[in-house]
Amino acid sequence: MTSLVMNEPDFLIIGERRSGSTTLYEILKGHPEIGMLSQSDYDFFIEKELFAAHQPTANPSYDWDGNIDIQDYFRLFTDLKGVTG
């Protein structure tokens, strides 16, 4: 069985909406030695209930981090070359 080599990103672009983070993403994506994901915003680290049209549930045992597999996020970086972000 062959093992899939996963890259962890070298950097993340973190920004508030309308802060220029997508412009920074586009600039870095054009650099030949930087491997960027094909899409600028995966909302991977955003708690969905904060932006939902309905109120969050009152279930205190709900742990949104527990539903996210960081390995799935790292798999996005598998085919990128160079410094990855």
Protein backbone atom coordinates (compact mmCIF):
# COMPACT_ATOMS: atom_id res chain seq x y z
CA MET A 1 0.00 0.00 0.00
CA THR A 2 1.44 3.35 -0.99
CA SER A 3 1.15 6.24 1.35
CA LEU A 4 -0.10 9.61 0.19
CA VAL A 5 2.36 12.38 0.98
CA MET A 6 0.56 15.38 2.38
CA ASN A 7 2.01 18.83 2.63
CA GLU A 8 1.18 21.13 5.46
CA PRO A 9 0.91 24.72 4.28
CA ASP A 10 3.90 26.94 4.90
CA PHE A 11 1.64 29.90 5.53
CA LEU A 12 -2.01 30.93 5.76
CA ILE A 13 -3.61 34.16 4.65
CA ILE A 14 -6.00 35.27 7.34
CA GLY A 15 -8.15 38.30 6.86
CA GLU A 16 -11.45 39.91 7.65
CA ARG A 17 -13.89 40.34 4.81
CA ARG A 18 -12.99 43.25 2.53
CA SER A 19 -9.48 43.47 4.02
CA GLY A 20 -7.47 42.69 0.87
CA SER A 21 -6.73 39.04 1.63
CA THR A 22 -8.08 37.88 -1.77
CA THR A 23 -5.89 40.45 -3.54
CA LEU A 24 -2.87 39.14 -1.61
CA TYR A 25 -3.88 35.58 -2.58
CA GLU A 26 -4.04 36.55 -6.28
CA ILE A 27 -0.62 38.24 -6.15
CA LEU A 28 1.02 35.24 -4.44
CA LYS A 29 -0.72 32.79 -6.79
CA GLY A 30 1.04 34.46 -9.72
CA HIS A 31 4.50 33.82 -8.26
CA PRO A 32 6.24 30.83 -9.91
CA GLU A 33 7.78 29.53 -6.65
CA ILE A 34 4.62 29.68 -4.55
CA GLY A 35 1.98 26.94 -4.70
CA MET A 36 -1.44 28.29 -3.81
CA LEU A 37 -4.73 26.41 -3.55
CA SER A 38 -7.00 26.71 -6.57
CA GLN A 39 -9.59 28.60 -4.57
CA SER A 40 -8.87 31.51 -2.23
CA ASP A 41 -11.41 30.78 0.50
CA TYR A 42 -12.36 27.35 1.77
CA ASP A 43 -14.03 28.61 4.99
CA PHE A 44 -12.27 25.73 6.71
CA PHE A 45 -11.68 27.54 9.98
CA ILE A 46 -15.02 29.37 10.14
CA GLU A 47 -17.67 28.20 12.57
CA LYS A 48 -20.66 27.85 10.22
CA GLU A 49 -23.25 28.55 12.91
CA LEU A 50 -21.88 32.05 13.40
CA PHE A 51 -22.95 32.95 9.86
CA ALA A 52 -26.13 30.87 9.59
CA ALA A 53 -29.52 32.44 8.97
CA HIS A 54 -30.87 30.63 12.04
CA GLN A 55 -29.82 30.82 15.66
CA PRO A 56 -27.21 28.33 16.85
CA THR A 57 -28.46 25.32 18.75
CA ALA A 58 -28.43 25.42 22.52
CA ASN A 59 -26.56 22.12 22.63
CA PRO A 60 -23.47 22.81 24.76
CA SER A 61 -21.88 19.51 23.72
CA TYR A 62 -21.68 20.61 20.08
CA ASP A 63 -18.00 21.02 19.30
CA TRP A 64 -17.51 22.27 15.75
CA ASP A 65 -13.76 21.65 15.90
CA GLY A 66 -14.51 17.99 16.57
CA ASN A 67 -16.27 17.76 13.21
CA ILE A 68 -13.31 19.03 11.21
CA ASP A 69 -10.55 16.67 10.15
CA ILE A 70 -7.33 18.65 9.74
CA GLN A 71 -5.94 15.87 7.54
CA ASP A 72 -8.69 16.67 5.01
CA TYR A 73 -7.40 20.24 4.96
CA PHE A 74 -3.79 19.11 4.53
CA ARG A 75 -4.85 16.90 1.58
CA LEU A 76 -5.72 20.07 -0.33
CA PHE A 77 -1.99 20.87 -0.43
CA THR A 78 -0.85 17.48 -1.80
CA ASP A 79 -0.09 18.48 -5.39
CA LEU A 80 1.34 21.94 -4.72
CA LYS A 81 5.01 22.68 -5.32
CA GLY A 82 7.32 25.21 -3.71
CA VAL A 83 6.30 27.29 -0.73
CA THR A 84 2.63 26.48 -0.16
CA GLY A 85 -0.18 28.58 1.18
